[in-house]
Amino acid sequence: MKQRVKVNRTDIHLWPDASRVITLLFVAGEEYGSGIESRASNVVKRIVALSEPDVKRRLKDVIHRFGSRHLDVVEVFSQHADRVSARLDPSDDLSEERWLLLGASFTHEYSIESASVCNPSMVLHPDQTGAPDGGARFVMSFRGIGEGHLSSVGFRTGSIFGDGRIVLDERGLFPMIGALREGIFNRDVFHERLKAMDQNGESSAYVLDHLPLVFSIEELEARLEVLISQHDTRQDAHTTARHHRAIASSSYGVHFSSESDISERVLWPVVGAESNGMEDARFVRFVDEHGAATYFATYTAFDGENISQQLMQTDDFESFVMSPVVGAASKNKGLALFPRPVNGRFAALSRFDRETNAVCFSDTLGHWGDSFTYQLPDRDWEVLQLGNCGPPIETSAGWLVLTHGVGPMRTYSIGAVLLDLHNPTKLIASLEDPLISASPDEQDGYVPNVVYTCGAMLHGDLLVIPYGVADMRINIATVSLASLLTSMTPVEKAGV
């Protein structure tokens, strides 16, 4: 019998911090999404009617109470006042104080992790300046859950030391959401989305086939205008244009100030598909055939009823681009990219059927077609379902994949398997027992009996595994890679 792997649970425990708040636009009457017309115009009239002494007194109090909680709360108030200024009467002449109080009345704080922090993912930091001797710096993403179970993506940074110690950097003081930018689009994704809507006909081809593989909103709009100009001969022109614009709305960019700390940056839901949260980002440092590195993450977008996969891309964790992911292999949760091309193609782990582990390949990051199942849930601790726990990690022995298995009492455990380096559809070894299961002091939380990670990081022989505990907090464990590989059992009939 193989010896159990020694897992070192570090003393790092990240708990949710309700004081981590961001500012958001608040429109009275719309906070519950009831569809009832807002009370914004009435609020504006009341603010205009206030006496100047009342305005000054109330604004002074608001700035005193909230000024130290945000980087520039006055600028936020001014921006939000501008958002509702169309409701002012043209004859209204507001003082600077009244203008800011108007903005403050349309602002509220949201505690991004008041309920929990969980499901972390760890990658090598793009800037290794100041890394310890024999060590490395890292970026760890995590899912923050706040009021109404709304999820966002946050970050921490830290270092791995040569002696195996893990140290987290101090957090920046002011969490913030970034400035929105227009997205970039993928032609294959558009074709697949239109096909799913039964709208991938002649008019769609007329638009897309004249665009490059990756195109901008300006290029799309220019082509749609050409289509619409032919509405007398293409009767579905306006409908086709509407569908293309709807798909385009799922792509966007976010930019943060270079002066902000990575730990202050919060990726907040933007498009309709994400309206109820951005969940379980699986980050990977992807190195192409030319040696250039880019960071990608697949994450689950949730709109309150439906889930879909989105792709995130960044070079520096300062500017991000989001776009939709489509195809049979991207259904459900758990798409995780390999860190380099495999046999000249992109590769990803998939859980398309919600219970087995599979691999899929593609020529584009936006569309994932058929997948190849390599592991079934046949052990007692994974009988309910299997899934991956983040992108594969390349080792000399094969692709190391951390898995999650769900067993009796909906208990989540973290396991490990090994896939063939040249043909990752082949399962060549696996860990018979869980690598990490909930210890007695890890059972209780927001969702009991769950340990789960969205991505580990390998540094030398040290495998660093940040993992969520009961969907409540985050712990970090380390494992010797050599010990883990030695403890795996070879699969007698490897392959599919």
Foldseek 3Di string as FASTA:
>chain_A
DFDFFDWFFDPDWFFADQLAKEKDFAFAPPPVVPPDDTCLLVVLVVLLPDDPVVLVVVLVVVCVVCVVQADHLQVQLLVQLVVSVVSDDPPRDDDSSSSSVSSVVRMDMWRQAPAFKFFKAKDFALDQVPAEVLKGKMKMKIWGATPPRATWIFIWIWMQYNVGDTDTDDADRHAYEFDKFFFKDALVLLCQVCVVVVNNDDLVCQQSVVAPRIGGPVSSVVSLVVQVVVCVVVVCSVVSNVSSVLQSQQKIKGFADPPHDRRRYMGHDDGQQQCRYKANWFWEFAQEPVRDTKIKTWTWHHNPPDIFIKMWIDSRSGMIIIHGADEQQRPDDAWAWARYAAPQWTKTWGDSVQAFIWMFTDNDPRYTYDTATFGGQDAQQAPVGKHWQHYWDDDPVATKTWMWGAHPPRAIFIWIWGAHHNDRSWTFWTARDGSDWQDPVLQDGPAGRDWGYHYWDDRPQKIKTWIGGNSGMIIIMIGGNVSRVSSIDTDPDIHD
